Structures are given as C-alpha cells and as structure tokens.
PDB file of N, CA and C in Angstrom:
ATOM      1  N   UNK A   1     132.885  65.622 114.593  1.00  0.00           N
ATOM      2  CA  UNK A   1     132.408  66.493 114.780  1.00  0.00           C
ATOM      3  C   UNK A   1     131.438  66.559 116.042  1.00  0.00           C
ATOM      4  N   UNK A   2     130.996  65.531 116.246  1.00  0.00           N
ATOM      5  CA  UNK A   2     129.626  66.206 117.754  1.00  0.00           C
ATOM      6  C   UNK A   2     130.588  65.915 119.067  1.00  0.00           C
ATOM      7  N   UNK A   3     131.995  65.935 118.850  1.00  0.00           N
ATOM      8  CA  UNK A   3     132.944  66.248 119.956  1.00  0.00           C
ATOM      9  C   UNK A   3     133.153  67.216 119.305  1.00  0.00           C
ATOM     10  N   UNK A   4     133.400  68.405 118.567  1.00  0.00           N
ATOM     11  CA  UNK A   4     133.633  69.246 118.068  1.00  0.00           C
ATOM     12  C   UNK A   4     132.421  70.136 118.891  1.00  0.00           C
ATOM     13  N   UNK A   5     131.520  69.886 118.289  1.00  0.00           N
ATOM     14  CA  UNK A   5     130.445  71.004 118.466  1.00  0.00           C
ATOM     15  C   UNK A   5     130.661  70.425 120.016  1.00  0.00           C
ATOM     16  N   UNK A   6     130.160  69.529 120.801  1.00  0.00           N
ATOM     17  CA  UNK A   6     129.882  69.660 122.390  1.00  0.00           C
ATOM     18  C   UNK A   6     131.168  70.361 123.145  1.00  0.00           C
ATOM     19  N   UNK A   7     132.148  70.867 122.503  1.00  0.00           N
ATOM     20  CA  UNK A   7     132.969  71.564 122.629  1.00  0.00           C
ATOM     21  C   UNK A   7     133.132  72.951 122.710  1.00  0.00           C
ATOM     22  N   UNK A   8     132.614  73.254 121.712  1.00  0.00           N
ATOM     23  CA  UNK A   8     132.317  74.402 121.153  1.00  0.00           C
ATOM     24  C   UNK A   8     130.631  75.113 121.130  1.00  0.00           C
ATOM     25  N   UNK A   9     130.620  74.048 122.529  1.00  0.00           N
ATOM     26  CA  UNK A   9     128.871  74.658 122.961  1.00  0.00           C
ATOM     27  C   UNK A   9     128.142  73.903 123.868  1.00  0.00           C
ATOM     28  N   UNK A  10     129.363  73.816 124.236  1.00  0.00           N
ATOM     29  CA  UNK A  10     129.114  73.086 125.693  1.00  0.00           C
ATOM     30  C   UNK A  10     128.270  73.739 127.139  1.00  0.00           C
ATOM     31  N   UNK A  11     129.006  74.959 127.006  1.00  0.00           N
ATOM     32  CA  UNK A  11     129.047  76.143 128.028  1.00  0.00           C
ATOM     33  C   UNK A  11     127.591  76.952 128.079  1.00  0.00           C
ATOM     34  N   UNK A  12     127.234  77.419 126.323  1.00  0.00           N
ATOM     35  CA  UNK A  12     125.795  77.945 126.367  1.00  0.00           C
ATOM     36  C   UNK A  12     124.718  77.100 126.906  1.00  0.00           C
ATOM     37  N   UNK A  13     124.885  75.772 126.001  1.00  0.00           N
ATOM     38  CA  UNK A  13     124.144  74.082 126.224  1.00  0.00           C
ATOM     39  C   UNK A  13     124.070  74.124 127.575  1.00  0.00           C
ATOM     40  N   UNK A  14     125.120  73.852 128.660  1.00  0.00           N
ATOM     41  CA  UNK A  14     124.271  73.441 129.950  1.00  0.00           C
ATOM     42  C   UNK A  14     124.003  75.145 130.923  1.00  0.00           C
ATOM     43  N   UNK A  15     124.826  76.169 130.437  1.00  0.00           N
ATOM     44  CA  UNK A  15     124.265  77.344 131.316  1.00  0.00           C
ATOM     45  C   UNK A  15     122.493  77.509 130.580  1.00  0.00           C
ATOM     46  N   UNK A  16     122.089  77.380 129.312  1.00  0.00           N
ATOM     47  CA  UNK A  16     121.421  77.357 129.166  1.00  0.00           C
ATOM     48  C   UNK A  16     119.733  76.535 129.724  1.00  0.00           C
ATOM     49  N   UNK A  17     120.454  75.206 130.565  1.00  0.00           N
ATOM     50  CA  UNK A  17     119.581  74.539 131.366  1.00  0.00           C
ATOM     51  C   UNK A  17     119.574  74.140 133.026  1.00  0.00           C
ATOM     52  N   UNK A  18     120.224  74.939 132.545  1.00  0.00           N
ATOM     53  CA  UNK A  18     120.375  75.395 134.453  1.00  0.00           C
ATOM     54  C   UNK A  18     120.116  76.539 134.948  1.00  0.00           C
ATOM     55  N   UNK A  19     119.484  77.532 134.018  1.00  0.00           N
ATOM     56  CA  UNK A  19     118.128  78.929 133.899  1.00  0.00           C
ATOM     57  C   UNK A  19     116.925  77.977 133.289  1.00  0.00           C
ATOM     58  N   UNK A  20     116.964  77.320 132.804  1.00  0.00           N
ATOM     59  CA  UNK A  20     115.659  76.809 133.370  1.00  0.00           C
ATOM     60  C   UNK A  20     114.896  75.711 134.617  1.00  0.00           C
ATOM     61  N   UNK A  21     115.950  75.560 134.555  1.00  0.00           N
ATOM     62  CA  UNK A  21     115.739  74.889 135.700  1.00  0.00           C
ATOM     63  C   UNK A  21     116.185  75.845 137.165  1.00  0.00           C
ATOM     64  N   UNK A  22     116.427  76.442 137.605  1.00  0.00           N
ATOM     65  CA  UNK A  22     116.887  77.316 138.626  1.00  0.00           C
ATOM     66  C   UNK A  22     114.858  78.280 138.643  1.00  0.00           C
ATOM     67  N   UNK A  23     114.328  78.453 137.257  1.00  0.00           N
ATOM     68  CA  UNK A  23     112.832  79.535 137.493  1.00  0.00           C
ATOM     69  C   UNK A  23     112.462  78.921 137.837  1.00  0.00           C
ATOM     70  N   UNK A  24     111.436  79.432 138.633  1.00  0.00           N
ATOM     71  CA  UNK A  24     110.173  78.834 139.189  1.00  0.00           C
ATOM     72  C   UNK A  24     108.996  78.399 137.721  1.00  0.00           C
ATOM     73  N   UNK A  25     108.958  77.611 137.863  1.00  0.00           N
ATOM     74  CA  UNK A  25     108.100  77.363 136.312  1.00  0.00           C
ATOM     75  C   UNK A  25     106.621  76.477 136.162  1.00  0.00           C
ATOM     76  N   UNK A  26     105.822  76.751 135.195  1.00  0.00           N
ATOM     77  CA  UNK A  26     105.115  75.884 134.937  1.00  0.00           C
ATOM     78  C   UNK A  26     104.630  75.166 133.356  1.00  0.00           C
ATOM     79  N   UNK A  27     104.151  74.050 133.360  1.00  0.00           N
ATOM     80  CA  UNK A  27     104.288  73.789 132.326  1.00  0.00           C
ATOM     81  C   UNK A  27     105.885  73.725 131.100  1.00  0.00           C
ATOM     82  N   UNK A  28     105.072  74.752 129.911  1.00  0.00           N
ATOM     83  CA  UNK A  28     105.806  75.088 129.418  1.00  0.00           C
ATOM     84  C   UNK A  28     106.742  75.909 129.211  1.00  0.00           C
ATOM     85  N   UNK A  29     106.505  76.243 131.096  1.00  0.00           N
ATOM     86  CA  UNK A  29     108.611  77.360 130.953  1.00  0.00           C
ATOM     87  C   UNK A  29     109.322  76.946 130.850  1.00  0.00           C
ATOM     88  N   UNK A  30     110.413  76.508 130.900  1.00  0.00           N
ATOM     89  CA  UNK A  30     111.099  75.885 130.899  1.00  0.00           C
ATOM     90  C   UNK A  30     111.409  75.590 129.514  1.00  0.00           C
ATOM     91  N   UNK A  31     110.763  75.370 128.630  1.00  0.00           N
ATOM     92  CA  UNK A  31     110.736  75.680 126.839  1.00  0.00           C
ATOM     93  C   UNK A  31     111.063  77.012 126.662  1.00  0.00           C
ATOM     94  N   UNK A  32     110.123  78.335 127.007  1.00  0.00           N
ATOM     95  CA  UNK A  32     110.192  79.440 126.768  1.00  0.00           C
ATOM     96  C   UNK A  32     111.764  79.875 127.608  1.00  0.00           C
ATOM     97  N   UNK A  33     111.858  79.374 128.532  1.00  0.00           N
ATOM     98  CA  UNK A  33     113.647  79.947 129.168  1.00  0.00           C
ATOM     99  C   UNK A  33     114.684  79.758 128.475  1.00  0.00           C
ATOM    100  N   UNK A  34     114.517  78.687 127.975  1.00  0.00           N
ATOM    101  CA  UNK A  34     115.268  77.958 128.039  1.00  0.00           C
ATOM    102  C   UNK A  34     115.619  78.454 125.665  1.00  0.00           C
ATOM    103  N   UNK A  35     114.279  79.269 125.399  1.00  0.00           N
ATOM    104  CA  UNK A  35     114.871  79.700 124.256  1.00  0.00           C
ATOM    105  C   UNK A  35     115.399  80.923 124.186  1.00  0.00           C
ATOM    106  N   UNK A  36     115.031  81.118 125.238  1.00  0.00           N
ATOM    107  CA  UNK A  36     115.404  82.709 125.810  1.00  0.00           C
ATOM    108  C   UNK A  36     116.386  83.073 125.898  1.00  0.00           C
ATOM    109  N   UNK A  37     117.166  82.123 127.023  1.00  0.00           N
ATOM    110  CA  UNK A  37     118.191  82.502 126.895  1.00  0.00           C
ATOM    111  C   UNK A  37     118.901  81.051 125.873  1.00  0.00           C
ATOM    112  N   UNK A  38     118.884  80.555 125.248  1.00  0.00           N
ATOM    113  CA  UNK A  38     119.327  80.465 123.504  1.00  0.00           C
ATOM    114  C   UNK A  38     119.567  80.898 122.608  1.00  0.00           C
ATOM    115  N   UNK A  39     118.841  81.966 122.716  1.00  0.00           N
ATOM    116  CA  UNK A  39     119.043  82.583 121.615  1.00  0.00           C
ATOM    117  C   UNK A  39     119.854  84.283 122.131  1.00  0.00           C
ATOM    118  N   UNK A  40     120.347  83.653 122.978  1.00  0.00           N
ATOM    119  CA  UNK A  40     120.647  85.551 123.202  1.00  0.00           C
ATOM    120  C   UNK A  40     122.474  84.241 123.813  1.00  0.00           C
ATOM    121  N   UNK A  41     122.556  83.182 124.558  1.00  0.00           N
ATOM    122  CA  UNK A  41     123.955  82.836 124.903  1.00  0.00           C
ATOM    123  C   UNK A  41     124.918  82.202 123.991  1.00  0.00           C
ATOM    124  N   UNK A  42     123.735  81.841 123.286  1.00  0.00           N
ATOM    125  CA  UNK A  42     124.840  80.909 121.529  1.00  0.00           C
ATOM    126  C   UNK A  42     125.244  81.897 120.349  1.00  0.00           C
ATOM    127  N   UNK A  43     125.061  82.785 119.928  1.00  0.00           N
ATOM    128  CA  UNK A  43     125.395  83.452 119.725  1.00  0.00           C
ATOM    129  C   UNK A  43     126.157  84.235 120.433  1.00  0.00           C
ATOM    130  N   UNK A  44     126.903  84.858 121.304  1.00  0.00           N
ATOM    131  CA  UNK A  44     127.731  85.020 122.372  1.00  0.00           C
ATOM    132  C   UNK A  44     129.195  84.415 122.041  1.00  0.00           C
ATOM    133  N   UNK A  45     128.151  83.254 122.441  1.00  0.00           N
ATOM    134  CA  UNK A  45     129.796  82.172 122.875  1.00  0.00           C
ATOM    135  C   UNK A  45     130.667  82.363 121.355  1.00  0.00           C
ATOM    136  N   UNK A  46     129.711  81.896 120.176  1.00  0.00           N
ATOM    137  CA  UNK A  46     130.519  81.696 118.501  1.00  0.00           C
ATOM    138  C   UNK A  46     130.618  82.912 118.433  1.00  0.00           C
ATOM    139  N   UNK A  47     130.274  84.182 119.382  1.00  0.00           N
ATOM    140  CA  UNK A  47     131.156  85.514 119.113  1.00  0.00           C
ATOM    141  C   UNK A  47     132.478  85.716 119.560  1.00  0.00           C
ATOM    142  N   UNK A  48     132.139  84.908 120.590  1.00  0.00           N
ATOM    143  CA  UNK A  48     133.979  84.879 121.371  1.00  0.00           C
ATOM    144  C   UNK A  48     134.921  83.998 121.603  1.00  0.00           C
ATOM    145  N   UNK A  49     133.936  82.770 120.408  1.00  0.00           N
ATOM    146  CA  UNK A  49     135.316  81.791 119.772  1.00  0.00           C
ATOM    147  C   UNK A  49     135.706  82.515 118.353  1.00  0.00           C
ATOM    148  N   UNK A  50     134.758  83.153 117.711  1.00  0.00           N
ATOM    149  CA  UNK A  50     134.864  84.069 116.494  1.00  0.00           C
ATOM    150  C   UNK A  50     135.953  84.736 116.799  1.00  0.00           C
ATOM    151  N   UNK A  51     136.174  85.446 117.780  1.00  0.00           N
ATOM    152  CA  UNK A  51     137.280  87.042 118.548  1.00  0.00           C
ATOM    153  C   UNK A  51     138.444  86.539 118.097  1.00  0.00           C
ATOM    154  N   UNK A  52     138.518  84.858 118.902  1.00  0.00           N
ATOM    155  CA  UNK A  52     139.948  84.208 119.426  1.00  0.00           C
ATOM    156  C   UNK A  52     140.498  83.338 118.446  1.00  0.00           C
ATOM    157  N   UNK A  53     139.409  82.705 117.697  1.00  0.00           N
ATOM    158  CA  UNK A  53     140.186  82.270 116.150  1.00  0.00           C
ATOM    159  C   UNK A  53     140.701  83.264 115.346  1.00  0.00           C
ATOM    160  N   UNK A  54     140.297  84.753 115.089  1.00  0.00           N
ATOM    161  CA  UNK A  54     140.642  85.858 114.385  1.00  0.00           C
ATOM    162  C   UNK A  54     142.154  85.866 114.934  1.00  0.00           C
ATOM    163  N   UNK A  55     141.739  85.961 116.105  1.00  0.00           N
ATOM    164  CA  UNK A  55     143.149  86.978 116.608  1.00  0.00           C
ATOM    165  C   UNK A  55     144.312  85.597 116.319  1.00  0.00           C
ATOM    166  N   UNK A  56     143.789  84.409 116.869  1.00  0.00           N
ATOM    167  CA  UNK A  56     144.503  82.641 116.230  1.00  0.00           C
ATOM    168  C   UNK A  56     145.296  82.691 115.024  1.00  0.00           C
ATOM    169  N   UNK A  57     143.813  82.862 113.862  1.00  0.00           N
ATOM    170  CA  UNK A  57     144.512  82.683 112.486  1.00  0.00           C
ATOM    171  C   UNK A  57     143.714  83.885 111.887  1.00  0.00           C
ATOM    172  N   UNK A  58     143.432  84.819 112.214  1.00  0.00           N
ATOM    173  CA  UNK A  58     143.538  85.948 111.571  1.00  0.00           C
ATOM    174  C   UNK A  58     141.919  85.909 110.799  1.00  0.00           C
ATOM    175  N   UNK A  59     141.285  86.251 109.678  1.00  0.00           N
ATOM    176  CA  UNK A  59     139.588  86.472 109.032  1.00  0.00           C
ATOM    177  C   UNK A  59     139.440  85.170 108.604  1.00  0.00           C
ATOM    178  N   UNK A  60     140.163  83.964 107.922  1.00  0.00           N
ATOM    179  CA  UNK A  60     139.688  82.957 107.853  1.00  0.00           C
ATOM    180  C   UNK A  60     139.249  82.126 108.730  1.00  0.00           C
ATOM    181  N   UNK A  61     140.509  82.022 109.584  1.00  0.00           N
ATOM    182  CA  UNK A  61     139.479  81.324 111.068  1.00  0.00           C
ATOM    183  C   UNK A  61     138.225  82.008 111.903  1.00  0.00           C
ATOM    184  N   UNK A  62     138.155  83.304 112.120  1.00  0.00           N
ATOM    185  CA  UNK A  62     137.328  83.515 112.256  1.00  0.00           C
ATOM    186  C   UNK A  62     135.964  83.122 110.912  1.00  0.00           C
ATOM    187  N   UNK A  63     135.840  83.319 110.087  1.00  0.00           N
ATOM    188  CA  UNK A  63     135.160  82.635 109.126  1.00  0.00           C
ATOM    189  C   UNK A  63     134.558  80.964 109.107  1.00  0.00           C
ATOM    190  N   UNK A  64     136.154  80.473 109.839  1.00  0.00           N
ATOM    191  CA  UNK A  64     135.642  78.811 109.694  1.00  0.00           C
ATOM    192  C   UNK A  64     135.213  78.517 111.103  1.00  0.00           C
ATOM    193  N   UNK A  65     135.219  79.796 111.828  1.00  0.00           N
ATOM    194  CA  UNK A  65     134.695  79.448 113.619  1.00  0.00           C
ATOM    195  C   UNK A  65     133.078  79.372 112.840  1.00  0.00           C
ATOM    196  N   UNK A  66     132.430  81.334 112.164  1.00  0.00           N
ATOM    197  CA  UNK A  66     131.471  81.460 112.156  1.00  0.00           C
ATOM    198  C   UNK A  66     130.835  80.031 111.885  1.00  0.00           C
ATOM    199  N   UNK A  67     131.090  79.414 111.051  1.00  0.00           N
ATOM    200  CA  UNK A  67     130.431  78.192 110.537  1.00  0.00           C
ATOM    201  C   UNK A  67     130.867  77.077 110.913  1.00  0.00           C
ATOM    202  N   UNK A  68     131.422  76.833 111.840  1.00  0.00           N
ATOM    203  CA  UNK A  68     131.608  75.221 112.692  1.00  0.00           C
ATOM    204  C   UNK A  68     131.597  75.074 113.879  1.00  0.00           C
ATOM    205  N   UNK A  69     131.053  76.713 114.708  1.00  0.00           N
ATOM    206  CA  UNK A  69     130.936  76.278 116.046  1.00  0.00           C
ATOM    207  C   UNK A  69     128.962  75.818 115.658  1.00  0.00           C
ATOM    208  N   UNK A  70     127.997  76.717 114.802  1.00  0.00           N
ATOM    209  CA  UNK A  70     126.726  76.523 114.664  1.00  0.00           C
ATOM    210  C   UNK A  70     126.499  75.025 114.035  1.00  0.00           C
ATOM    211  N   UNK A  71     127.327  74.316 113.078  1.00  0.00           N
ATOM    212  CA  UNK A  71     126.996  73.316 112.912  1.00  0.00           C
ATOM    213  C   UNK A  71     127.437  72.356 113.100  1.00  0.00           C
ATOM    214  N   UNK A  72     128.616  72.416 114.159  1.00  0.00           N
ATOM    215  CA  UNK A  72     129.081  70.955 114.830  1.00  0.00           C
ATOM    216  C   UNK A  72     128.176  70.863 116.652  1.00  0.00           C
ATOM    217  N   UNK A  73     128.132  71.704 116.963  1.00  0.00           N
ATOM    218  CA  UNK A  73     126.769  72.748 117.639  1.00  0.00           C
ATOM    219  C   UNK A  73     125.368  71.762 117.261  1.00  0.00           C
ATOM    220  N   UNK A  74     124.910  71.626 116.654  1.00  0.00           N
ATOM    221  CA  UNK A  74     124.029  71.013 115.902  1.00  0.00           C
ATOM    222  C   UNK A  74     124.084  68.836 115.629  1.00  0.00           C
ATOM    223  N   UNK A  75     125.070  69.310 115.243  1.00  0.00           N
ATOM    224  CA  UNK A  75     125.211  67.818 114.279  1.00  0.00           C
ATOM    225  C   UNK A  75     125.477  66.665 116.079  1.00  0.00           C
ATOM    226  N   UNK A  76     126.235  67.738 117.187  1.00  0.00           N
ATOM    227  CA  UNK A  76     126.136  67.473 118.895  1.00  0.00           C
ATOM    228  C   UNK A  76     125.040  66.830 119.199  1.00  0.00           C
ATOM    229  N   UNK A  77     124.472  67.495 119.271  1.00  0.00           N
ATOM    230  CA  UNK A  77     122.681  67.257 119.626  1.00  0.00           C
ATOM    231  C   UNK A  77     122.103  66.779 118.983  1.00  0.00           C
ATOM    232  N   UNK A  78     121.994  66.637 117.721  1.00  0.00           N
ATOM    233  CA  UNK A  78     121.321  65.436 116.896  1.00  0.00           C
ATOM    234  C   UNK A  78     122.330  64.173 118.083  1.00  0.00           C
ATOM    235  N   UNK A  79     123.477  63.533 118.141  1.00  0.00           N
ATOM    236  CA  UNK A  79     124.040  62.681 118.365  1.00  0.00           C
ATOM    237  C   UNK A  79     123.798  61.987 119.891  1.00  0.00           C
ATOM    238  N   UNK A  80     123.621  63.232 120.093  1.00  0.00           N
ATOM    239  CA  UNK A  80     123.539  62.550 121.325  1.00  0.00           C
ATOM    240  C   UNK A  80     121.997  62.404 122.680  1.00  0.00           C
ATOM    241  N   UNK A  81     120.808  63.423 120.948  1.00  0.00           N
ATOM    242  CA  UNK A  81     120.470  62.972 121.407  1.00  0.00           C
ATOM    243  C   UNK A  81     119.217  61.334 120.681  1.00  0.00           C
ATOM    244  N   UNK A  82     120.199  61.092 119.544  1.00  0.00           N
ATOM    245  CA  UNK A  82     120.016  59.491 119.376  1.00  0.00           C
ATOM    246  C   UNK A  82     120.602  58.632 120.486  1.00  0.00           C
ATOM    247  N   UNK A  83     121.094  59.031 120.833  1.00  0.00           N
ATOM    248  CA  UNK A  83     122.574  57.808 121.322  1.00  0.00           C
ATOM    249  C   UNK A  83     122.109  57.990 122.935  1.00  0.00           C
ATOM    250  N   UNK A  84     121.410  58.932 123.578  1.00  0.00           N
ATOM    251  CA  UNK A  84     120.895  58.723 124.948  1.00  0.00           C
ATOM    252  C   UNK A  84     119.496  57.474 125.228  1.00  0.00           C
ATOM    253  N   UNK A  85     118.845  57.549 124.098  1.00  0.00           N
ATOM    254  CA  UNK A  85     117.912  56.206 124.318  1.00  0.00           C
ATOM    255  C   UNK A  85     118.594  55.039 124.828  1.00  0.00           C
ATOM    256  N   UNK A  86     119.890  54.440 123.970  1.00  0.00           N
ATOM    257  CA  UNK A  86     120.582  53.799 124.354  1.00  0.00           C
ATOM    258  C   UNK A  86     121.218  53.394 125.374  1.00  0.00           C
ATOM    259  N   UNK A  87     121.730  54.682 125.730  1.00  0.00           N
ATOM    260  CA  UNK A  87     122.798  54.306 126.798  1.00  0.00           C
ATOM    261  C   UNK A  87     121.554  54.696 127.945  1.00  0.00           C
ATOM    262  N   UNK A  88     120.803  55.293 128.078  1.00  0.00           N
ATOM    263  CA  UNK A  88     119.785  54.058 128.844  1.00  0.00           C
ATOM    264  C   UNK A  88     119.508  52.514 128.972  1.00  0.00           C
ATOM    265  N   UNK A  89     119.156  52.479 128.089  1.00  0.00           N
ATOM    266  CA  UNK A  89     119.063  50.778 128.248  1.00  0.00           C
ATOM    267  C   UNK A  89     119.763  50.598 128.669  1.00  0.00           C
ATOM    268  N   UNK A  90     121.256  50.791 127.788  1.00  0.00           N
ATOM    269  CA  UNK A  90     122.610  49.751 127.850  1.00  0.00           C
ATOM    270  C   UNK A  90     122.448  50.080 129.622  1.00  0.00           C
ATOM    271  N   UNK A  91     122.653  50.819 130.516  1.00  0.00           N
ATOM    272  CA  UNK A  91     122.472  51.407 131.376  1.00  0.00           C
ATOM    273  C   UNK A  91     121.439  50.338 132.809  1.00  0.00           C
ATOM    274  N   UNK A  92     120.115  49.947 132.025  1.00  0.00           N
ATOM    275  CA  UNK A  92     119.140  49.041 132.518  1.00  0.00           C
ATOM    276  C   UNK A  92     119.567  48.319 132.151  1.00  0.00           C
ATOM    277  N   UNK A  93     120.196  47.241 131.306  1.00  0.00           N
ATOM    278  CA  UNK A  93     120.389  45.439 130.824  1.00  0.00           C
ATOM    279  C   UNK A  93     121.366  45.503 131.293  1.00  0.00           C
ATOM    280  N   UNK A  94     122.173  46.727 131.977  1.00  0.00           N
ATOM    281  CA  UNK A  94     123.825  45.771 132.539  1.00  0.00           C
ATOM    282  C   UNK A  94     123.526  45.867 134.191  1.00  0.00           C
ATOM    283  N   UNK A  95     122.687  46.539 134.795  1.00  0.00           N
ATOM    284  CA  UNK A  95     121.884  46.399 136.350  1.00  0.00           C
ATOM    285  C   UNK A  95     121.146  45.811 136.745  1.00  0.00           C
ATOM    286  N   UNK A  96     120.222  45.404 135.625  1.00  0.00           N
ATOM    287  CA  UNK A  96     119.602  44.131 135.497  1.00  0.00           C
ATOM    288  C   UNK A  96     120.100  42.402 135.691  1.00  0.00           C
ATOM    289  N   UNK A  97     121.461  42.602 134.824  1.00  0.00           N
ATOM    290  CA  UNK A  97     122.756  41.317 134.827  1.00  0.00           C
ATOM    291  C   UNK A  97     123.241  41.727 136.352  1.00  0.00           C
ATOM    292  N   UNK A  98     123.831  42.605 136.136  1.00  0.00           N
ATOM    293  CA  UNK A  98     124.090  42.912 137.236  1.00  0.00           C
ATOM    294  C   UNK A  98     123.873  42.528 139.209  1.00  0.00           C
ATOM    295  N   UNK A  99     122.383  42.951 138.906  1.00  0.00           N
ATOM    296  CA  UNK A  99     121.205  42.696 140.375  1.00  0.00           C
ATOM    297  C   UNK A  99     120.729  41.959 139.953  1.00  0.00           C
ATOM    298  N   UNK A 100     120.375  39.995 139.459  1.00  0.00           N
ATOM    299  CA  UNK A 100     119.785  39.885 139.512  1.00  0.00           C
ATOM    300  C   UNK A 100     118.108  39.662 140.210  1.00  0.00           C
ATOM    301  N   UNK A 101     118.218  40.024 141.204  1.00  0.00           N
ATOM    302  CA  UNK A 101     116.898  40.397 142.104  1.00  0.00           C
ATOM    303  C   UNK A 101     116.479  42.063 141.637  1.00  0.00           C
ATOM    304  N   UNK A 102     116.681  42.333 140.992  1.00  0.00           N
ATOM    305  CA  UNK A 102     115.610  43.880 140.662  1.00  0.00           C
ATOM    306  C   UNK A 102     114.789  43.100 139.807  1.00  0.00           C
ATOM    307  N   UNK A 103     115.552  42.134 138.422  1.00  0.00           N
ATOM    308  CA  UNK A 103     114.369  41.486 137.411  1.00  0.00           C
ATOM    309  C   UNK A 103     113.391  41.328 138.455  1.00  0.00           C
ATOM    310  N   UNK A 104     113.772  40.476 139.331  1.00  0.00           N
ATOM    311  CA  UNK A 104     112.214  39.809 139.892  1.00  0.00           C
ATOM    312  C   UNK A 104     111.954  40.590 140.758  1.00  0.00           C
ATOM    313  N   UNK A 105     111.771  41.308 141.070  1.00  0.00           N
ATOM    314  CA  UNK A 105     111.386  42.429 141.820  1.00  0.00           C
ATOM    315  C   UNK A 105     110.319  43.876 140.781  1.00  0.00           C
ATOM    316  N   UNK A 106     110.535  43.195 139.836  1.00  0.00           N
ATOM    317  CA  UNK A 106     110.447  44.258 139.103  1.00  0.00           C
ATOM    318  C   UNK A 106     108.935  43.497 138.215  1.00  0.00           C
ATOM    319  N   UNK A 107     109.513  42.308 137.967  1.00  0.00           N
ATOM    320  CA  UNK A 107     108.117  41.046 137.170  1.00  0.00           C
ATOM    321  C   UNK A 107     107.237  41.292 138.165  1.00  0.00           C
ATOM    322  N   UNK A 108     107.629  40.944 139.438  1.00  0.00           N
ATOM    323  CA  UNK A 108     106.694  41.080 140.988  1.00  0.00           C
ATOM    324  C   UNK A 108     106.025  42.375 140.341  1.00  0.00           C
ATOM    325  N   UNK A 109     106.436  43.628 139.876  1.00  0.00           N
ATOM    326  CA  UNK A 109     105.592  44.371 140.467  1.00  0.00           C
ATOM    327  C   UNK A 109     104.499  44.847 139.297  1.00  0.00           C
ATOM    328  N   UNK A 110     105.154  44.435 137.941  1.00  0.00           N
ATOM    329  CA  UNK A 110     103.771  44.248 136.879  1.00  0.00           C
ATOM    330  C   UNK A 110     103.403  43.516 136.584  1.00  0.00           C
ATOM    331  N   UNK A 111     103.310  41.797 137.161  1.00  0.00           N
ATOM    332  CA  UNK A 111     102.900  41.681 137.764  1.00  0.00           C
ATOM    333  C   UNK A 111     100.706  41.637 138.716  1.00  0.00           C
ATOM    334  N   UNK A 112     101.741  43.281 139.678  1.00  0.00           N
ATOM    335  CA  UNK A 112     101.086  43.520 140.868  1.00  0.00           C
ATOM    336  C   UNK A 112     100.254  44.283 139.922  1.00  0.00           C
ATOM    337  N   UNK A 113     100.609  45.540 138.893  1.00  0.00           N
ATOM    338  CA  UNK A 113      99.630  46.224 138.308  1.00  0.00           C
ATOM    339  C   UNK A 113      99.209  45.315 137.190  1.00  0.00           C
ATOM    340  N   UNK A 114      99.318  44.906 136.161  1.00  0.00           N
ATOM    341  CA  UNK A 114      98.697  44.171 135.896  1.00  0.00           C
ATOM    342  C   UNK A 114      97.154  43.931 136.532  1.00  0.00           C
ATOM    343  N   UNK A 115      96.757  43.191 137.523  1.00  0.00           N
ATOM    344  CA  UNK A 115      95.916  43.337 138.363  1.00  0.00           C
ATOM    345  C   UNK A 115      95.502  43.602 139.065  1.00  0.00           C
ATOM    346  N   UNK A 116      95.630  44.749 139.459  1.00  0.00           N
ATOM    347  CA  UNK A 116      94.808  45.675 139.612  1.00  0.00           C
ATOM    348  C   UNK A 116      94.234  46.554 138.935  1.00  0.00           C
ATOM    349  N   UNK A 117      94.713  47.270 137.480  1.00  0.00           N
ATOM    350  CA  UNK A 117      94.568  47.793 136.026  1.00  0.00           C
ATOM    351  C   UNK A 117      93.079  46.431 135.543  1.00  0.00           C
ATOM    352  N   UNK A 118      93.179  45.036 135.953  1.00  0.00           N
ATOM    353  CA  UNK A 118      92.127  43.969 135.094  1.00  0.00           C
ATOM    354  C   UNK A 118      91.091  44.538 135.807  1.00  0.00           C
ATOM    355  N   UNK A 119      91.977  44.416 137.179  1.00  0.00           N
ATOM    356  CA  UNK A 119      90.722  44.778 138.700  1.00  0.00           C
ATOM    357  C   UNK A 119      90.160  46.763 138.405  1.00  0.00           C
ATOM    358  N   UNK A 120      90.540  47.044 137.700  1.00  0.00           N
ATOM    359  CA  UNK A 120      89.271  48.906 137.232  1.00  0.00           C
ATOM    360  C   UNK A 120      88.594  48.707 136.735  1.00  0.00           C
ATOM    361  N   UNK A 121      89.315  47.472 134.963  1.00  0.00           N
ATOM    362  CA  UNK A 121      88.280  47.603 134.157  1.00  0.00           C
ATOM    363  C   UNK A 121      87.796  46.518 134.034  1.00  0.00           C
ATOM    364  N   UNK A 122      87.494  45.061 135.177  1.00  0.00           N
ATOM    365  CA  UNK A 122      86.502  44.536 135.263  1.00  0.00           C
ATOM    366  C   UNK A 122      84.929  45.334 136.106  1.00  0.00           C
ATOM    367  N   UNK A 123      85.807  46.038 136.821  1.00  0.00           N
ATOM    368  CA  UNK A 123      84.941  46.863 137.804  1.00  0.00           C
ATOM    369  C   UNK A 123      84.541  46.022 139.145  1.00  0.00           C
TER     370      UNK A 123
END
C-alpha cells in the first residue's frame, strides 16, 4: 500500500517540498508554504488521477481512485516516516563498520565535548 501511495502522491509531495525550499523563509514559514501548496496540489493531482481512472475504467475506477489515492498517500507517509530513522541508523552503523577510524574520531570528539562541558559546569 505504501508503494502505491508513493506512486500516486510522489509528484505533489516533492513539488510541495521544493516550493518550501525555494521560498525565503524564517522559522515556521516552510510549514506554512507546505500547507498552502499541499492544499492545492494534492487535490489537483487526485482529480487528474481520477479523470485518468475514469477514462480507463469508467465511474467505478474514478471512485476507487478517489478513495485509494488519499488513503494510500497517508499510508506511504506514515511508512516512510517510521522507517526514516531506521535507514539513518543503519547507514550510520554500516559507515562506522566500513570505516573504523570514523568511530575513533567520534569517540575523541565526544571525550573533548565532555571535557569542555565539564569545564563550563565546574566554572
């Protein structure tokens, strides 16, 4: 379902992200741009998909598409959000395994940060 949702909603999803990145913004403005762009782009995309389904399969296809596109889009979003941290952690783990000196460098940085923090706390 997540793969179907991604296919049906990829275009507006990525367009909304690009719009938010292109506009100069402060603080919470990217969320505003995403909301406004998504408010228009997703329904327009779903309408086009419903029209394509109607031309291919008639009214039942259009009704099915009207239900499937938003629902599977939500499923895809939830799926990828839940698995995003897994892929990030897996990539970090594999990088540290493939390049052992990175782990030593990170340990040294962590030790230096602890020492600096302790020096700040102890005055």
